Amino acid sequence: MNKLDTGDLRIDVDDGPEVLIAQWNGKSVDRQPQRFLDPFFATLLDEAQKRNLPIEMRFEQLAHFNSSTIGCLVRLVQDSRTRDVKLVLVYSATVSWQRLSFDALRVFLKDNPRFELKAVS
């Protein structure tokens, strides 16, 4: 599985035997991140579905993301549910913008046992 590197944003993928881990670094401030995030997510979902693995996205090292990135994450949550791929989003509970952003995604937890939000200190 390839990483994503757009200059400001880098997502490294650890292609493990039990989980695909996508580690976000830098910042996601592009006004149209769907141009590169949607294809990246589609490839990640294809691999997870093919190997019957969960995806864990880790945001603790991310400096910032904008509202356009949140839209991409919402589509990822919906697509993972449609494809029956478990998705775990891990964020820092001590970083206020992360806590607020991911708290807004809690609405997608309802009736979706394959989606999880995990706050870490």
PDB file of N, CA and C in Angstrom:
ATOM      1  N   MET A   1       0.849  -1.177   0.000  1.00  0.00           N
ATOM      2  CA  MET A   1       0.000   0.000   0.000  1.00  0.00           C
ATOM      3  C   MET A   1       0.892   1.236   0.000  1.00  0.00           C
ATOM      4  N   ASN A   2       0.630   2.156  -0.887  1.00  0.00           N
ATOM      5  CA  ASN A   2       1.449   3.359  -1.020  1.00  0.00           C
ATOM      6  C   ASN A   2       1.019   4.444  -0.052  1.00  0.00           C
ATOM      7  N   LYS A   3       1.962   5.298   0.289  1.00  0.00           N
ATOM      8  CA  LYS A   3       1.654   6.457   1.114  1.00  0.00           C
ATOM      9  C   LYS A   3       1.124   7.574   0.216  1.00  0.00           C
ATOM     10  N   LEU A   4       0.570   8.593   0.854  1.00  0.00           N
ATOM     11  CA  LEU A   4       0.121   9.787   0.155  1.00  0.00           C
ATOM     12  C   LEU A   4       1.002  10.938   0.612  1.00  0.00           C
ATOM     13  N   ASP A   5       1.541  11.693  -0.336  1.00  0.00           N
ATOM     14  CA  ASP A   5       2.375  12.842  -0.003  1.00  0.00           C
ATOM     15  C   ASP A   5       2.004  13.989  -0.928  1.00  0.00           C
ATOM     16  N   THR A   6       1.378  15.037  -0.355  1.00  0.00           N
ATOM     17  CA  THR A   6       0.934  16.172  -1.160  1.00  0.00           C
ATOM     18  C   THR A   6       1.750  17.432  -0.875  1.00  0.00           C
ATOM     19  N   GLY A   7       2.806  17.308  -0.136  1.00  0.00           N
ATOM     20  CA  GLY A   7       3.591  18.474   0.262  1.00  0.00           C
ATOM     21  C   GLY A   7       3.284  18.844   1.701  1.00  0.00           C
ATOM     22  N   ASP A   8       2.102  19.422   1.954  1.00  0.00           N
ATOM     23  CA  ASP A   8       1.702  19.774   3.313  1.00  0.00           C
ATOM     24  C   ASP A   8       1.224  18.565   4.108  1.00  0.00           C
ATOM     25  N   LEU A   9       0.652  17.596   3.410  1.00  0.00           N
ATOM     26  CA  LEU A   9       0.065  16.422   4.057  1.00  0.00           C
ATOM     27  C   LEU A   9       0.782  15.161   3.608  1.00  0.00           C
ATOM     28  N   ARG A  10       1.091  14.322   4.580  1.00  0.00           N
ATOM     29  CA  ARG A  10       1.647  12.999   4.285  1.00  0.00           C
ATOM     30  C   ARG A  10       0.862  11.974   5.097  1.00  0.00           C
ATOM     31  N   ILE A  11       0.430  10.933   4.436  1.00  0.00           N
ATOM     32  CA  ILE A  11      -0.244   9.822   5.117  1.00  0.00           C
ATOM     33  C   ILE A  11       0.577   8.574   4.840  1.00  0.00           C
ATOM     34  N   ASP A  12       1.218   8.056   5.885  1.00  0.00           N
ATOM     35  CA  ASP A  12       1.996   6.830   5.778  1.00  0.00           C
ATOM     36  C   ASP A  12       1.094   5.654   6.100  1.00  0.00           C
ATOM     37  N   VAL A  13       1.242   4.575   5.344  1.00  0.00           N
ATOM     38  CA  VAL A  13       0.411   3.398   5.554  1.00  0.00           C
ATOM     39  C   VAL A  13       1.280   2.243   6.025  1.00  0.00           C
ATOM     40  N   ASP A  14       0.910   1.680   7.167  1.00  0.00           N
ATOM     41  CA  ASP A  14       1.541   0.477   7.686  1.00  0.00           C
ATOM     42  C   ASP A  14       0.634  -0.681   7.294  1.00  0.00           C
ATOM     43  N   ASP A  15       1.117  -1.455   6.362  1.00  0.00           N
ATOM     44  CA  ASP A  15       0.338  -2.541   5.762  1.00  0.00           C
ATOM     45  C   ASP A  15       0.560  -3.820   6.573  1.00  0.00           C
ATOM     46  N   GLY A  16      -0.025  -3.855   7.778  1.00  0.00           N
ATOM     47  CA  GLY A  16       0.185  -4.984   8.669  1.00  0.00           C
ATOM     48  C   GLY A  16      -0.711  -6.173   8.358  1.00  0.00           C
ATOM     49  N   PRO A  17      -0.464  -7.294   9.027  1.00  0.00           N
ATOM     50  CA  PRO A  17      -1.252  -8.496   8.778  1.00  0.00           C
ATOM     51  C   PRO A  17      -2.645  -8.467   9.420  1.00  0.00           C
ATOM     52  N   GLU A  18      -2.848  -7.570  10.409  1.00  0.00           N
ATOM     53  CA  GLU A  18      -4.132  -7.559  11.122  1.00  0.00           C
ATOM     54  C   GLU A  18      -4.909  -6.263  10.961  1.00  0.00           C
ATOM     55  N   VAL A  19      -4.238  -5.195  10.525  1.00  0.00           N
ATOM     56  CA  VAL A  19      -4.893  -3.896  10.380  1.00  0.00           C
ATOM     57  C   VAL A  19      -4.078  -3.028   9.416  1.00  0.00           C
ATOM     58  N   LEU A  20      -4.781  -2.197   8.645  1.00  0.00           N
ATOM     59  CA  LEU A  20      -4.113  -1.194   7.825  1.00  0.00           C
ATOM     60  C   LEU A  20      -4.119   0.111   8.620  1.00  0.00           C
ATOM     61  N   ILE A  21      -2.938   0.614   8.945  1.00  0.00           N
ATOM     62  CA  ILE A  21      -2.830   1.842   9.733  1.00  0.00           C
ATOM     63  C   ILE A  21      -2.381   2.970   8.819  1.00  0.00           C
ATOM     64  N   ALA A  22      -3.180   4.046   8.813  1.00  0.00           N
ATOM     65  CA  ALA A  22      -2.845   5.241   8.036  1.00  0.00           C
ATOM     66  C   ALA A  22      -2.521   6.358   9.021  1.00  0.00           C
ATOM     67  N   GLN A  23      -1.248   6.753   9.074  1.00  0.00           N
ATOM     68  CA  GLN A  23      -0.768   7.770  10.004  1.00  0.00           C
ATOM     69  C   GLN A  23      -0.704   9.118   9.293  1.00  0.00           C
ATOM     70  N   TRP A  24      -1.535  10.078   9.744  1.00  0.00           N
ATOM     71  CA  TRP A  24      -1.583  11.412   9.159  1.00  0.00           C
ATOM     72  C   TRP A  24      -0.519  12.302   9.804  1.00  0.00           C
ATOM     73  N   ASN A  25       0.213  13.063   8.954  1.00  0.00           N
ATOM     74  CA  ASN A  25       1.256  13.979   9.410  1.00  0.00           C
ATOM     75  C   ASN A  25       1.161  15.285   8.621  1.00  0.00           C
ATOM     76  N   GLY A  26       1.559  16.375   9.254  1.00  0.00           N
ATOM     77  CA  GLY A  26       1.547  17.669   8.579  1.00  0.00           C
ATOM     78  C   GLY A  26       0.216  18.359   8.765  1.00  0.00           C
ATOM     79  N   LYS A  27      -0.339  18.863   7.656  1.00  0.00           N
ATOM     80  CA  LYS A  27      -1.644  19.510   7.720  1.00  0.00           C
ATOM     81  C   LYS A  27      -2.372  19.317   6.396  1.00  0.00           C
ATOM     82  N   SER A  28      -3.696  19.265   6.479  1.00  0.00           N
ATOM     83  CA  SER A  28      -4.548  19.111   5.304  1.00  0.00           C
ATOM     84  C   SER A  28      -5.331  20.409   5.131  1.00  0.00           C
ATOM     85  N   VAL A  29      -4.793  21.296   4.296  1.00  0.00           N
ATOM     86  CA  VAL A  29      -5.393  22.618   4.118  1.00  0.00           C
ATOM     87  C   VAL A  29      -5.795  22.902   2.675  1.00  0.00           C
ATOM     88  N   ASP A  30      -5.649  21.927   1.800  1.00  0.00           N
ATOM     89  CA  ASP A  30      -6.035  22.109   0.411  1.00  0.00           C
ATOM     90  C   ASP A  30      -7.542  22.388   0.329  1.00  0.00           C
ATOM     91  N   ARG A  31      -7.945  23.282  -0.558  1.00  0.00           N
ATOM     92  CA  ARG A  31      -9.366  23.626  -0.685  1.00  0.00           C
ATOM     93  C   ARG A  31     -10.174  22.519  -1.343  1.00  0.00           C
ATOM     94  N   GLN A  32      -9.508  21.654  -2.084  1.00  0.00           N
ATOM     95  CA  GLN A  32     -10.181  20.535  -2.743  1.00  0.00           C
ATOM     96  C   GLN A  32      -9.430  19.230  -2.470  1.00  0.00           C
ATOM     97  N   PRO A  33      -9.376  18.806  -1.211  1.00  0.00           N
ATOM     98  CA  PRO A  33      -8.593  17.610  -0.886  1.00  0.00           C
ATOM     99  C   PRO A  33      -9.194  16.329  -1.464  1.00  0.00           C
ATOM    100  N   GLN A  34     -10.458  16.377  -1.883  1.00  0.00           N
ATOM    101  CA  GLN A  34     -11.085  15.191  -2.456  1.00  0.00           C
ATOM    102  C   GLN A  34     -10.349  14.738  -3.726  1.00  0.00           C
ATOM    103  N   ARG A  35      -9.645  15.647  -4.386  1.00  0.00           N
ATOM    104  CA  ARG A  35      -8.896  15.283  -5.598  1.00  0.00           C
ATOM    105  C   ARG A  35      -7.868  14.194  -5.316  1.00  0.00           C
ATOM    106  N   PHE A  36      -7.250  14.232  -4.147  1.00  0.00           N
ATOM    107  CA  PHE A  36      -6.250  13.219  -3.824  1.00  0.00           C
ATOM    108  C   PHE A  36      -6.697  12.296  -2.695  1.00  0.00           C
ATOM    109  N   LEU A  37      -7.551  12.767  -1.772  1.00  0.00           N
ATOM    110  CA  LEU A  37      -7.978  11.901  -0.675  1.00  0.00           C
ATOM    111  C   LEU A  37      -8.964  10.823  -1.131  1.00  0.00           C
ATOM    112  N   ASP A  38      -9.934  11.184  -1.962  1.00  0.00           N
ATOM    113  CA  ASP A  38     -10.920  10.187  -2.396  1.00  0.00           C
ATOM    114  C   ASP A  38     -10.281   9.000  -3.110  1.00  0.00           C
ATOM    115  N   PRO A  39      -9.371   9.216  -4.082  1.00  0.00           N
ATOM    116  CA  PRO A  39      -8.710   8.056  -4.704  1.00  0.00           C
ATOM    117  C   PRO A  39      -7.844   7.269  -3.714  1.00  0.00           C
ATOM    118  N   PHE A  40      -7.175   7.970  -2.809  1.00  0.00           N
ATOM    119  CA  PHE A  40      -6.357   7.301  -1.798  1.00  0.00           C
ATOM    120  C   PHE A  40      -7.234   6.432  -0.902  1.00  0.00           C
ATOM    121  N   PHE A  41      -8.357   6.990  -0.440  1.00  0.00           N
ATOM    122  CA  PHE A  41      -9.288   6.231   0.405  1.00  0.00           C
ATOM    123  C   PHE A  41      -9.864   5.034  -0.343  1.00  0.00           C
ATOM    124  N   ALA A  42     -10.190   5.209  -1.618  1.00  0.00           N
ATOM    125  CA  ALA A  42     -10.750   4.110  -2.413  1.00  0.00           C
ATOM    126  C   ALA A  42      -9.766   2.944  -2.492  1.00  0.00           C
ATOM    127  N   THR A  43      -8.486   3.260  -2.711  1.00  0.00           N
ATOM    128  CA  THR A  43      -7.457   2.218  -2.769  1.00  0.00           C
ATOM    129  C   THR A  43      -7.308   1.530  -1.415  1.00  0.00           C
ATOM    130  N   LEU A  44      -7.328   2.312  -0.355  1.00  0.00           N
ATOM    131  CA  LEU A  44      -7.229   1.758   0.993  1.00  0.00           C
ATOM    132  C   LEU A  44      -8.420   0.844   1.301  1.00  0.00           C
ATOM    133  N   LEU A  45      -9.616   1.291   0.948  1.00  0.00           N
ATOM    134  CA  LEU A  45     -10.819   0.466   1.150  1.00  0.00           C
ATOM    135  C   LEU A  45     -10.768  -0.808   0.321  1.00  0.00           C
ATOM    136  N   ASP A  46     -10.288  -0.712  -0.920  1.00  0.00           N
ATOM    137  CA  ASP A  46     -10.153  -1.914  -1.769  1.00  0.00           C
ATOM    138  C   ASP A  46      -9.266  -2.942  -1.101  1.00  0.00           C
ATOM    139  N   GLU A  47      -8.112  -2.482  -0.597  1.00  0.00           N
ATOM    140  CA  GLU A  47      -7.153  -3.390   0.042  1.00  0.00           C
ATOM    141  C   GLU A  47      -7.735  -3.996   1.320  1.00  0.00           C
ATOM    142  N   ALA A  48      -8.372  -3.166   2.136  1.00  0.00           N
ATOM    143  CA  ALA A  48      -8.969  -3.654   3.385  1.00  0.00           C
ATOM    144  C   ALA A  48     -10.078  -4.667   3.101  1.00  0.00           C
ATOM    145  N   GLN A  49     -10.895  -4.376   2.122  1.00  0.00           N
ATOM    146  CA  GLN A  49     -11.997  -5.284   1.791  1.00  0.00           C
ATOM    147  C   GLN A  49     -11.459  -6.603   1.233  1.00  0.00           C
ATOM    148  N   LYS A  50     -10.486  -6.515   0.361  1.00  0.00           N
ATOM    149  CA  LYS A  50      -9.892  -7.711  -0.246  1.00  0.00           C
ATOM    150  C   LYS A  50      -9.279  -8.624   0.816  1.00  0.00           C
ATOM    151  N   ARG A  51      -8.622  -8.021   1.818  1.00  0.00           N
ATOM    152  CA  ARG A  51      -7.921  -8.796   2.845  1.00  0.00           C
ATOM    153  C   ARG A  51      -8.735  -8.964   4.123  1.00  0.00           C
ATOM    154  N   ASN A  52      -9.949  -8.424   4.122  1.00  0.00           N
ATOM    155  CA  ASN A  52     -10.829  -8.501   5.289  1.00  0.00           C
ATOM    156  C   ASN A  52     -10.145  -7.941   6.544  1.00  0.00           C
ATOM    157  N   LEU A  53      -9.580  -6.721   6.390  1.00  0.00           N
ATOM    158  CA  LEU A  53      -8.865  -6.048   7.473  1.00  0.00           C
ATOM    159  C   LEU A  53      -9.561  -4.738   7.836  1.00  0.00           C
ATOM    160  N   PRO A  54      -9.459  -4.342   9.095  1.00  0.00           N
ATOM    161  CA  PRO A  54      -9.938  -3.004   9.469  1.00  0.00           C
ATOM    162  C   PRO A  54      -8.926  -1.940   9.053  1.00  0.00           C
ATOM    163  N   ILE A  55      -9.418  -0.710   8.975  1.00  0.00           N
ATOM    164  CA  ILE A  55      -8.561   0.453   8.725  1.00  0.00           C
ATOM    165  C   ILE A  55      -8.535   1.290   9.991  1.00  0.00           C
ATOM    166  N   GLU A  56      -7.344   1.660  10.411  1.00  0.00           N
ATOM    167  CA  GLU A  56      -7.181   2.559  11.546  1.00  0.00           C
ATOM    168  C   GLU A  56      -6.474   3.812  11.049  1.00  0.00           C
ATOM    169  N   MET A  57      -7.147   4.944  11.140  1.00  0.00           N
ATOM    170  CA  MET A  57      -6.552   6.224  10.751  1.00  0.00           C
ATOM    171  C   MET A  57      -6.150   6.954  12.014  1.00  0.00           C
ATOM    172  N   ARG A  58      -4.888   7.365  12.060  1.00  0.00           N
ATOM    173  CA  ARG A  58      -4.334   8.001  13.247  1.00  0.00           C
ATOM    174  C   ARG A  58      -4.020   9.459  12.936  1.00  0.00           C
ATOM    175  N   PHE A  59      -4.617  10.358  13.711  1.00  0.00           N
ATOM    176  CA  PHE A  59      -4.524  11.793  13.469  1.00  0.00           C
ATOM    177  C   PHE A  59      -3.720  12.540  14.530  1.00  0.00           C
ATOM    178  N   GLU A  60      -3.167  11.849  15.523  1.00  0.00           N
ATOM    179  CA  GLU A  60      -2.524  12.524  16.653  1.00  0.00           C
ATOM    180  C   GLU A  60      -1.392  13.453  16.230  1.00  0.00           C
ATOM    181  N   GLN A  61      -0.690  13.136  15.162  1.00  0.00           N
ATOM    182  CA  GLN A  61       0.459  13.940  14.730  1.00  0.00           C
ATOM    183  C   GLN A  61       0.079  14.990  13.690  1.00  0.00           C
ATOM    184  N   LEU A  62      -1.196  15.078  13.357  1.00  0.00           N
ATOM    185  CA  LEU A  62      -1.654  16.048  12.365  1.00  0.00           C
ATOM    186  C   LEU A  62      -1.762  17.426  13.009  1.00  0.00           C
ATOM    187  N   ALA A  63      -1.208  18.433  12.356  1.00  0.00           N
ATOM    188  CA  ALA A  63      -1.219  19.793  12.908  1.00  0.00           C
ATOM    189  C   ALA A  63      -2.556  20.496  12.695  1.00  0.00           C
ATOM    190  N   HIS A  64      -3.238  20.198  11.587  1.00  0.00           N
ATOM    191  CA  HIS A  64      -4.497  20.879  11.288  1.00  0.00           C
ATOM    192  C   HIS A  64      -5.167  20.222  10.089  1.00  0.00           C
ATOM    193  N   PHE A  65      -6.494  20.242  10.063  1.00  0.00           N
ATOM    194  CA  PHE A  65      -7.207  19.997   8.815  1.00  0.00           C
ATOM    195  C   PHE A  65      -8.395  20.920   8.722  1.00  0.00           C
ATOM    196  N   ASN A  66      -8.807  21.207   7.481  1.00  0.00           N
ATOM    197  CA  ASN A  66      -9.887  22.160   7.243  1.00  0.00           C
ATOM    198  C   ASN A  66     -11.228  21.444   7.071  1.00  0.00           C
ATOM    199  N   SER A  67     -12.274  22.217   6.893  1.00  0.00           N
ATOM    200  CA  SER A  67     -13.617  21.653   6.770  1.00  0.00           C
ATOM    201  C   SER A  67     -13.773  20.814   5.501  1.00  0.00           C
ATOM    202  N   SER A  68     -13.011  21.116   4.467  1.00  0.00           N
ATOM    203  CA  SER A  68     -13.064  20.298   3.247  1.00  0.00           C
ATOM    204  C   SER A  68     -12.563  18.880   3.525  1.00  0.00           C
ATOM    205  N   THR A  69     -11.591  18.767   4.404  1.00  0.00           N
ATOM    206  CA  THR A  69     -11.074  17.448   4.775  1.00  0.00           C
ATOM    207  C   THR A  69     -12.125  16.671   5.561  1.00  0.00           C
ATOM    208  N   ILE A  70     -12.865  17.360   6.418  1.00  0.00           N
ATOM    209  CA  ILE A  70     -13.942  16.699   7.172  1.00  0.00           C
ATOM    210  C   ILE A  70     -14.948  16.080   6.198  1.00  0.00           C
ATOM    211  N   GLY A  71     -15.272  16.800   5.125  1.00  0.00           N
ATOM    212  CA  GLY A  71     -16.190  16.264   4.117  1.00  0.00           C
ATOM    213  C   GLY A  71     -15.676  14.967   3.522  1.00  0.00           C
ATOM    214  N   CYS A  72     -14.377  14.890   3.272  1.00  0.00           N
ATOM    215  CA  CYS A  72     -13.770  13.663   2.751  1.00  0.00           C
ATOM    216  C   CYS A  72     -13.864  12.535   3.773  1.00  0.00           C
ATOM    217  N   LEU A  73     -13.668  12.860   5.041  1.00  0.00           N
ATOM    218  CA  LEU A  73     -13.768  11.840   6.087  1.00  0.00           C
ATOM    219  C   LEU A  73     -15.203  11.331   6.228  1.00  0.00           C
ATOM    220  N   VAL A  74     -16.170  12.218   6.074  1.00  0.00           N
ATOM    221  CA  VAL A  74     -17.578  11.793   6.125  1.00  0.00           C
ATOM    222  C   VAL A  74     -17.854  10.792   5.002  1.00  0.00           C
ATOM    223  N   ARG A  75     -17.368  11.085   3.794  1.00  0.00           N
ATOM    224  CA  ARG A  75     -17.556  10.141   2.680  1.00  0.00           C
ATOM    225  C   ARG A  75     -16.856   8.817   2.968  1.00  0.00           C
ATOM    226  N   LEU A  76     -15.674   8.876   3.576  1.00  0.00           N
ATOM    227  CA  LEU A  76     -14.955   7.648   3.921  1.00  0.00           C
ATOM    228  C   LEU A  76     -15.763   6.815   4.905  1.00  0.00           C
ATOM    229  N   VAL A  77     -16.336   7.445   5.921  1.00  0.00           N
ATOM    230  CA  VAL A  77     -17.161   6.722   6.892  1.00  0.00           C
ATOM    231  C   VAL A  77     -18.332   6.040   6.180  1.00  0.00           C
ATOM    232  N   GLN A  78     -18.981   6.762   5.289  1.00  0.00           N
ATOM    233  CA  GLN A  78     -20.121   6.205   4.558  1.00  0.00           C
ATOM    234  C   GLN A  78     -19.684   5.076   3.627  1.00  0.00           C
ATOM    235  N   ASP A  79     -18.582   5.275   2.919  1.00  0.00           N
ATOM    236  CA  ASP A  79     -18.091   4.244   2.003  1.00  0.00           C
ATOM    237  C   ASP A  79     -17.639   2.990   2.750  1.00  0.00           C
ATOM    238  N   SER A  80     -16.998   3.176   3.897  1.00  0.00           N
ATOM    239  CA  SER A  80     -16.550   2.002   4.664  1.00  0.00           C
ATOM    240  C   SER A  80     -17.752   1.198   5.148  1.00  0.00           C
ATOM    241  N   ARG A  81     -18.812   1.888   5.512  1.00  0.00           N
ATOM    242  CA  ARG A  81     -20.026   1.186   5.943  1.00  0.00           C
ATOM    243  C   ARG A  81     -20.638   0.410   4.779  1.00  0.00           C
ATOM    244  N   THR A  82     -20.736   1.044   3.634  1.00  0.00           N
ATOM    245  CA  THR A  82     -21.289   0.397   2.442  1.00  0.00           C
ATOM    246  C   THR A  82     -20.491  -0.843   2.069  1.00  0.00           C
ATOM    247  N   ARG A  83     -19.190  -0.757   2.236  1.00  0.00           N
ATOM    248  CA  ARG A  83     -18.308  -1.869   1.854  1.00  0.00           C
ATOM    249  C   ARG A  83     -18.045  -2.839   3.003  1.00  0.00           C
ATOM    250  N   ASP A  84     -18.664  -2.595   4.153  1.00  0.00           N
ATOM    251  CA  ASP A  84     -18.535  -3.451   5.327  1.00  0.00           C
ATOM    252  C   ASP A  84     -17.075  -3.595   5.785  1.00  0.00           C
ATOM    253  N   VAL A  85     -16.368  -2.455   5.807  1.00  0.00           N
ATOM    254  CA  VAL A  85     -14.983  -2.398   6.286  1.00  0.00           C
ATOM    255  C   VAL A  85     -14.987  -1.647   7.611  1.00  0.00           C
ATOM    256  N   LYS A  86     -14.406  -2.257   8.628  1.00  0.00           N
ATOM    257  CA  LYS A  86     -14.312  -1.574   9.923  1.00  0.00           C
ATOM    258  C   LYS A  86     -13.354  -0.396   9.803  1.00  0.00           C
ATOM    259  N   LEU A  87     -13.782   0.751  10.357  1.00  0.00           N
ATOM    260  CA  LEU A  87     -12.985   1.967  10.308  1.00  0.00           C
ATOM    261  C   LEU A  87     -12.862   2.536  11.715  1.00  0.00           C
ATOM    262  N   VAL A  88     -11.629   2.786  12.133  1.00  0.00           N
ATOM    263  CA  VAL A  88     -11.350   3.385  13.437  1.00  0.00           C
ATOM    264  C   VAL A  88     -10.572   4.680  13.203  1.00  0.00           C
ATOM    265  N   LEU A  89     -11.094   5.785  13.736  1.00  0.00           N
ATOM    266  CA  LEU A  89     -10.407   7.067  13.653  1.00  0.00           C
ATOM    267  C   LEU A  89      -9.858   7.398  15.040  1.00  0.00           C
ATOM    268  N   VAL A  90      -8.544   7.560  15.137  1.00  0.00           N
ATOM    269  CA  VAL A  90      -7.863   7.806  16.407  1.00  0.00           C
ATOM    270  C   VAL A  90      -7.370   9.246  16.415  1.00  0.00           C
ATOM    271  N   TYR A  91      -7.743   9.984  17.458  1.00  0.00           N
ATOM    272  CA  TYR A  91      -7.368  11.394  17.542  1.00  0.00           C
ATOM    273  C   TYR A  91      -6.903  11.725  18.951  1.00  0.00           C
ATOM    274  N   SER A  92      -6.285  12.895  19.080  1.00  0.00           N
ATOM    275  CA  SER A  92      -5.771  13.338  20.373  1.00  0.00           C
ATOM    276  C   SER A  92      -6.866  14.073  21.152  1.00  0.00           C
ATOM    277  N   ALA A  93      -7.208  13.565  22.299  1.00  0.00           N
ATOM    278  CA  ALA A  93      -8.224  14.203  23.143  1.00  0.00           C
ATOM    279  C   ALA A  93      -7.712  15.485  23.780  1.00  0.00           C
ATOM    280  N   THR A  94      -6.405  15.673  23.794  1.00  0.00           N
ATOM    281  CA  THR A  94      -5.837  16.858  24.431  1.00  0.00           C
ATOM    282  C   THR A  94      -5.670  18.041  23.465  1.00  0.00           C
ATOM    283  N   VAL A  95      -5.923  17.815  22.193  1.00  0.00           N
ATOM    284  CA  VAL A  95      -5.838  18.880  21.188  1.00  0.00           C
ATOM    285  C   VAL A  95      -7.264  19.321  20.878  1.00  0.00           C
ATOM    286  N   SER A  96      -7.580  20.557  21.251  1.00  0.00           N
ATOM    287  CA  SER A  96      -8.981  20.995  21.204  1.00  0.00           C
ATOM    288  C   SER A  96      -9.590  20.928  19.807  1.00  0.00           C
ATOM    289  N   TRP A  97      -8.866  21.341  18.759  1.00  0.00           N
ATOM    290  CA  TRP A  97      -9.469  21.300  17.421  1.00  0.00           C
ATOM    291  C   TRP A  97      -9.746  19.864  16.994  1.00  0.00           C
ATOM    292  N   GLN A  98      -8.886  18.914  17.376  1.00  0.00           N
ATOM    293  CA  GLN A  98      -9.140  17.508  17.044  1.00  0.00           C
ATOM    294  C   GLN A  98     -10.362  16.998  17.795  1.00  0.00           C
ATOM    295  N   ARG A  99     -10.416  17.284  19.089  1.00  0.00           N
ATOM    296  CA  ARG A  99     -11.551  16.830  19.896  1.00  0.00           C
ATOM    297  C   ARG A  99     -12.869  17.356  19.324  1.00  0.00           C
ATOM    298  N   LEU A 100     -12.923  18.639  18.997  1.00  0.00           N
ATOM    299  CA  LEU A 100     -14.146  19.234  18.452  1.00  0.00           C
ATOM    300  C   LEU A 100     -14.502  18.652  17.085  1.00  0.00           C
ATOM    301  N   SER A 101     -13.510  18.491  16.233  1.00  0.00           N
ATOM    302  CA  SER A 101     -13.763  17.958  14.888  1.00  0.00           C
ATOM    303  C   SER A 101     -14.282  16.524  14.939  1.00  0.00           C
ATOM    304  N   PHE A 102     -13.652  15.693  15.750  1.00  0.00           N
ATOM    305  CA  PHE A 102     -14.061  14.296  15.787  1.00  0.00           C
ATOM    306  C   PHE A 102     -15.338  14.086  16.598  1.00  0.00           C
ATOM    307  N   ASP A 103     -15.587  14.934  17.569  1.00  0.00           N
ATOM    308  CA  ASP A 103     -16.870  14.869  18.274  1.00  0.00           C
ATOM    309  C   ASP A 103     -18.027  15.081  17.306  1.00  0.00           C
ATOM    310  N   ALA A 104     -17.829  15.919  16.304  1.00  0.00           N
ATOM    311  CA  ALA A 104     -18.870  16.164  15.306  1.00  0.00           C
ATOM    312  C   ALA A 104     -19.171  14.906  14.479  1.00  0.00           C
ATOM    313  N   LEU A 105     -18.221  13.985  14.410  1.00  0.00           N
ATOM    314  CA  LEU A 105     -18.431  12.748  13.647  1.00  0.00           C
ATOM    315  C   LEU A 105     -19.156  11.667  14.446  1.00  0.00           C
ATOM    316  N   ARG A 106     -19.412  11.932  15.719  1.00  0.00           N
ATOM    317  CA  ARG A 106     -20.092  10.940  16.556  1.00  0.00           C
ATOM    318  C   ARG A 106     -21.474  10.568  16.036  1.00  0.00           C
ATOM    319  N   VAL A 107     -22.096  11.456  15.284  1.00  0.00           N
ATOM    320  CA  VAL A 107     -23.414  11.169  14.722  1.00  0.00           C
ATOM    321  C   VAL A 107     -23.384   9.903  13.854  1.00  0.00           C
ATOM    322  N   PHE A 108     -22.222   9.573  13.284  1.00  0.00           N
ATOM    323  CA  PHE A 108     -22.106   8.405  12.419  1.00  0.00           C
ATOM    324  C   PHE A 108     -21.909   7.097  13.182  1.00  0.00           C
ATOM    325  N   LEU A 109     -21.775   7.189  14.503  1.00  0.00           N
ATOM    326  CA  LEU A 109     -21.646   5.983  15.324  1.00  0.00           C
ATOM    327  C   LEU A 109     -22.969   5.235  15.447  1.00  0.00           C
ATOM    328  N   LYS A 110     -24.069   5.976  15.350  1.00  0.00           N
ATOM    329  CA  LYS A 110     -25.387   5.363  15.523  1.00  0.00           C
ATOM    330  C   LYS A 110     -25.653   4.328  14.432  1.00  0.00           C
ATOM    331  N   ASP A 111     -26.027   3.147  14.882  1.00  0.00           N
ATOM    332  CA  ASP A 111     -26.352   2.038  13.981  1.00  0.00           C
ATOM    333  C   ASP A 111     -25.208   1.673  13.037  1.00  0.00           C
ATOM    334  N   ASN A 112     -23.981   1.913  13.456  1.00  0.00           N
ATOM    335  CA  ASN A 112     -22.829   1.556  12.633  1.00  0.00           C
ATOM    336  C   ASN A 112     -21.761   0.906  13.516  1.00  0.00           C
ATOM    337  N   PRO A 113     -21.900  -0.396  13.790  1.00  0.00           N
ATOM    338  CA  PRO A 113     -20.935  -1.069  14.658  1.00  0.00           C
ATOM    339  C   PRO A 113     -19.544  -1.219  14.031  1.00  0.00           C
ATOM    340  N   ARG A 114     -19.408  -0.900  12.746  1.00  0.00           N
ATOM    341  CA  ARG A 114     -18.120  -1.031  12.062  1.00  0.00           C
ATOM    342  C   ARG A 114     -17.336   0.286  12.062  1.00  0.00           C
ATOM    343  N   PHE A 115     -17.843   1.290  12.783  1.00  0.00           N
ATOM    344  CA  PHE A 115     -17.175   2.586  12.873  1.00  0.00           C
ATOM    345  C   PHE A 115     -16.889   2.888  14.323  1.00  0.00           C
ATOM    346  N   GLU A 116     -15.666   3.382  14.595  1.00  0.00           N
ATOM    347  CA  GLU A 116     -15.258   3.683  15.959  1.00  0.00           C
ATOM    348  C   GLU A 116     -14.425   4.954  15.983  1.00  0.00           C
ATOM    349  N   LEU A 117     -14.674   5.785  16.999  1.00  0.00           N
ATOM    350  CA  LEU A 117     -13.833   6.941  17.275  1.00  0.00           C
ATOM    351  C   LEU A 117     -13.084   6.647  18.564  1.00  0.00           C
ATOM    352  N   LYS A 118     -11.766   6.843  18.536  1.00  0.00           N
ATOM    353  CA  LYS A 118     -10.958   6.540  19.710  1.00  0.00           C
ATOM    354  C   LYS A 118     -10.128   7.759  20.081  1.00  0.00           C
ATOM    355  N   ALA A 119     -10.379   8.292  21.267  1.00  0.00           N
ATOM    356  CA  ALA A 119      -9.612   9.420  21.777  1.00  0.00           C
ATOM    357  C   ALA A 119      -8.440   8.899  22.605  1.00  0.00           C
ATOM    358  N   VAL A 120      -7.253   9.442  22.338  1.00  0.00           N
ATOM    359  CA  VAL A 120      -6.070   9.069  23.111  1.00  0.00           C
ATOM    360  C   VAL A 120      -5.466  10.330  23.700  1.00  0.00           C
ATOM    361  N   SER A 121      -4.751  10.159  24.808  1.00  0.00           N
ATOM    362  CA  SER A 121      -4.120  11.320  25.470  1.00  0.00           C
ATOM    363  C   SER A 121      -2.728  11.549  24.937  1.00  0.00           C
TER     364      SER A 121
END
